[in-house]
């Protein structure tokens, strides 16, 4: 089990901790906000919404399944980011999880995404997992740099995977980190 951990970067203190059911209303708002601030995700703002009730169910599910993890980042009592590792119940792929992360733009540059990632890596290692996978659009150079710093390697490319607001198609990189 991941315990809350406090980080301090450039005078801002934040806590990374497991999500609680009481976080559900804030998570619904946070995800909607993040989707509107960047084109790094699959969704545009308002698409594929997850409401408070669905977030409650997701948090309950993630706290009951050993190869799932839902973390949040909190500044002064407000959620500013989250990450999730989702595993499978299938025996042949139970050894791996898929990681995703989002941080509101106002808090970019404070290494909140890295804190969520590092805590997820520690958790995955302690769970005895073999592989952690993520997807990142090729234009998100800063995220790719961070993932490589944390020993992720490019495992594949989904060509012309996303069409952004400029009308062009962009590749998505599949990156993985191996534990053994």
Protein backbone atom coordinates (compact mmCIF):
# COMPACT_ATOMS: atom_id res chain seq x y z
CA UNK A 1 0.00 0.00 0.00
CA UNK A 2 1.27 3.43 -0.93
CA UNK A 3 1.38 5.89 1.94
CA UNK A 4 0.93 9.64 1.44
CA UNK A 5 4.19 11.35 0.57
CA UNK A 6 4.92 15.08 0.72
CA UNK A 7 6.98 16.81 -1.97
CA UNK A 8 8.23 20.38 -2.12
CA UNK A 9 9.26 22.03 -5.40
CA UNK A 10 9.90 25.76 -5.93
CA UNK A 11 8.12 26.69 -2.72
CA UNK A 12 5.01 24.62 -3.47
CA UNK A 13 4.23 21.71 -1.19
CA UNK A 14 2.05 18.89 -2.45
CA UNK A 15 1.04 15.45 -1.31
CA UNK A 16 0.77 12.33 -3.42
CA UNK A 17 -1.59 9.80 -1.90
CA UNK A 18 -4.04 7.05 -2.81
CA UNK A 19 -7.40 8.30 -4.02
CA UNK A 20 -10.32 8.14 -1.61
CA UNK A 21 -14.03 7.84 -2.43
CA UNK A 22 -14.47 11.38 -1.06
CA UNK A 23 -12.19 12.62 -3.90
CA UNK A 24 -14.76 11.64 -6.54
CA UNK A 25 -16.44 15.07 -6.99
CA UNK A 26 -13.09 16.86 -7.30
CA UNK A 27 -11.76 14.20 -9.69
CA UNK A 28 -14.73 14.64 -12.02
CA UNK A 29 -14.02 18.39 -12.22
CA UNK A 30 -10.26 17.90 -12.42
CA UNK A 31 -10.43 15.49 -15.36
CA UNK A 32 -12.76 17.80 -17.26
CA UNK A 33 -10.40 20.73 -16.68
CA UNK A 34 -7.29 18.79 -17.73
CA UNK A 35 -8.98 17.59 -20.93
CA UNK A 36 -9.57 21.23 -21.90
CA UNK A 37 -6.02 22.37 -21.22
CA UNK A 38 -4.00 20.10 -23.49
CA UNK A 39 -4.20 17.98 -26.61
CA UNK A 40 -2.00 15.29 -25.06
CA UNK A 41 -5.01 13.12 -24.20
CA UNK A 42 -7.39 11.22 -26.46
CA UNK A 43 -10.39 13.26 -25.37
CA UNK A 44 -11.41 16.82 -26.02
CA UNK A 45 -13.07 18.62 -23.13
CA UNK A 46 -16.51 17.17 -22.46
CA UNK A 47 -15.96 13.86 -24.25
CA UNK A 48 -16.26 10.55 -22.43
CA UNK A 49 -17.08 12.22 -19.12
CA UNK A 50 -16.73 10.34 -15.86
CA UNK A 51 -19.13 11.70 -13.26
CA UNK A 52 -18.83 11.64 -9.48
CA UNK A 53 -20.62 8.29 -9.16
CA UNK A 54 -18.42 6.66 -11.76
CA UNK A 55 -15.29 7.97 -10.06
CA UNK A 56 -16.52 6.52 -6.76
CA UNK A 57 -16.95 3.12 -8.44
CA UNK A 58 -13.52 3.39 -10.06
CA UNK A 59 -11.80 4.24 -6.76
CA UNK A 60 -13.56 1.38 -4.97
CA UNK A 61 -12.55 -1.00 -7.76
CA UNK A 62 -8.94 0.20 -7.75
CA UNK A 63 -8.62 -0.18 -3.98
CA UNK A 64 -9.93 -3.75 -4.12
CA UNK A 65 -7.79 -5.14 -6.96
CA UNK A 66 -4.10 -5.79 -6.19
CA UNK A 67 -2.81 -4.75 -9.64
CA UNK A 68 -4.68 -1.43 -9.76
CA UNK A 69 -3.54 1.88 -8.27
CA UNK A 70 -5.23 5.28 -8.25
CA UNK A 71 -3.17 8.19 -6.89
CA UNK A 72 -3.96 11.88 -6.52
CA UNK A 73 -1.78 14.96 -6.03
CA UNK A 74 -3.07 17.58 -3.62
CA UNK A 75 -2.00 21.19 -3.01
CA UNK A 76 -3.52 23.00 -0.02
CA UNK A 77 -6.47 20.60 0.06
CA UNK A 78 -7.19 20.84 -3.68
CA UNK A 79 -6.60 18.06 -6.17
CA UNK A 80 -4.26 19.16 -8.97
CA UNK A 81 -3.36 15.85 -10.58
CA UNK A 82 -3.95 12.14 -10.64
CA UNK A 83 -2.50 8.94 -12.02
CA UNK A 84 -3.76 5.45 -12.46
CA UNK A 85 -2.26 2.03 -13.02
CA UNK A 86 -4.65 -0.53 -14.38
CA UNK A 87 -3.84 -4.20 -14.56
CA UNK A 88 -5.74 -7.14 -15.92
CA UNK A 89 -7.35 -10.16 -14.31
CA UNK A 90 -6.24 -12.29 -17.27
CA UNK A 91 -3.47 -14.71 -16.28
CA UNK A 92 -1.35 -14.17 -19.40
CA UNK A 93 -1.10 -10.39 -18.94
CA UNK A 94 -1.55 -10.05 -15.18
CA UNK A 95 2.17 -9.23 -14.83
CA UNK A 96 1.76 -5.75 -16.33
CA UNK A 97 -0.11 -2.49 -15.80
CA UNK A 98 -0.92 0.50 -17.96
CA UNK A 99 -0.09 3.92 -16.49
CA UNK A 100 -1.80 7.24 -17.18
CA UNK A 101 -1.31 10.66 -15.60
CA UNK A 102 -2.80 14.15 -15.73
CA UNK A 103 -1.90 17.43 -14.00
CA UNK A 104 -3.66 20.78 -14.39
CA UNK A 105 -1.65 23.26 -16.41
CA UNK A 106 -1.29 25.80 -13.59
CA UNK A 107 0.89 23.24 -11.75
CA UNK A 108 3.05 22.06 -14.64
CA UNK A 109 6.76 22.43 -13.91
CA UNK A 110 6.48 21.38 -10.26
CA UNK A 111 7.31 17.74 -11.02
CA UNK A 112 3.89 16.56 -9.87
CA UNK A 113 3.63 14.17 -12.80
CA UNK A 114 7.08 12.81 -11.94
CA UNK A 115 6.06 12.34 -8.30
CA UNK A 116 2.95 10.42 -9.37
CA UNK A 117 5.07 8.35 -11.76
CA UNK A 118 7.81 7.60 -9.23
CA UNK A 119 5.29 6.50 -6.60
CA UNK A 120 3.58 4.29 -9.18
CA UNK A 121 6.91 2.73 -10.16
CA UNK A 122 7.69 1.97 -6.51
CA UNK A 123 4.26 0.42 -6.08
CA UNK A 124 4.62 -1.68 -9.27
CA UNK A 125 8.02 -2.92 -8.18
CA UNK A 126 6.69 -3.91 -4.72
CA UNK A 127 3.73 -5.65 -6.36
CA UNK A 128 6.17 -7.85 -8.25
CA UNK A 129 4.98 -6.61 -11.62
CA UNK A 130 7.19 -7.17 -14.65
CA UNK A 131 6.06 -4.38 -16.97
CA UNK A 132 4.56 -0.89 -16.85
CA UNK A 133 3.24 0.56 -20.11
CA UNK A 134 1.98 3.98 -21.18
CA UNK A 135 1.03 5.86 -24.33
CA UNK A 136 2.28 9.36 -25.13
CA UNK A 137 1.74 11.54 -28.19
CA UNK A 138 4.97 12.29 -30.08
CA UNK A 139 4.52 16.06 -29.60
CA UNK A 140 4.72 15.76 -25.79
CA UNK A 141 8.52 16.01 -25.76
CA UNK A 142 8.79 16.90 -22.05
CA UNK A 143 6.82 13.81 -21.02
CA UNK A 144 8.88 11.58 -23.33
CA UNK A 145 12.06 12.99 -21.76
CA UNK A 146 10.74 12.24 -18.24
CA UNK A 147 9.65 8.72 -19.16
CA UNK A 148 13.07 7.95 -20.62
CA UNK A 149 14.67 9.35 -17.45
CA UNK A 150 12.59 6.81 -15.49
CA UNK A 151 13.85 3.96 -17.72
CA UNK A 152 10.89 3.70 -20.08
CA UNK A 153 11.77 2.72 -23.63
CA UNK A 154 9.83 3.11 -26.85
CA UNK A 155 8.31 -0.24 -27.58
CA UNK A 156 6.09 0.68 -30.51
CA UNK A 157 4.50 3.45 -32.55
CA UNK A 158 0.85 3.89 -33.43
CA UNK A 159 1.10 5.83 -36.69
CA UNK A 160 -1.28 8.71 -37.41
CA UNK A 161 -3.01 7.81 -34.18
CA UNK A 162 -4.39 11.23 -33.17
CA UNK A 163 -5.74 14.13 -35.17
CA UNK A 164 -5.16 17.41 -33.37
CA UNK A 165 -6.83 20.79 -33.77
CA UNK A 166 -4.31 21.81 -36.45
CA UNK A 167 -5.84 19.12 -38.70
CA UNK A 168 -2.66 17.03 -38.79
CA UNK A 169 -2.26 13.43 -37.66
CA UNK A 170 0.35 12.52 -35.06
CA UNK A 171 1.92 9.30 -33.86
CA UNK A 172 1.48 7.88 -30.40
CA UNK A 173 4.44 6.18 -28.75
CA UNK A 174 3.97 3.07 -26.66
CA UNK A 175 6.59 3.18 -23.91
CA UNK A 176 7.34 0.50 -21.36
CA UNK A 177 9.46 -0.01 -18.28
CA UNK A 178 10.55 -3.51 -17.34
CA UNK A 179 11.22 -4.60 -13.76
CA UNK A 180 12.85 -7.98 -14.38
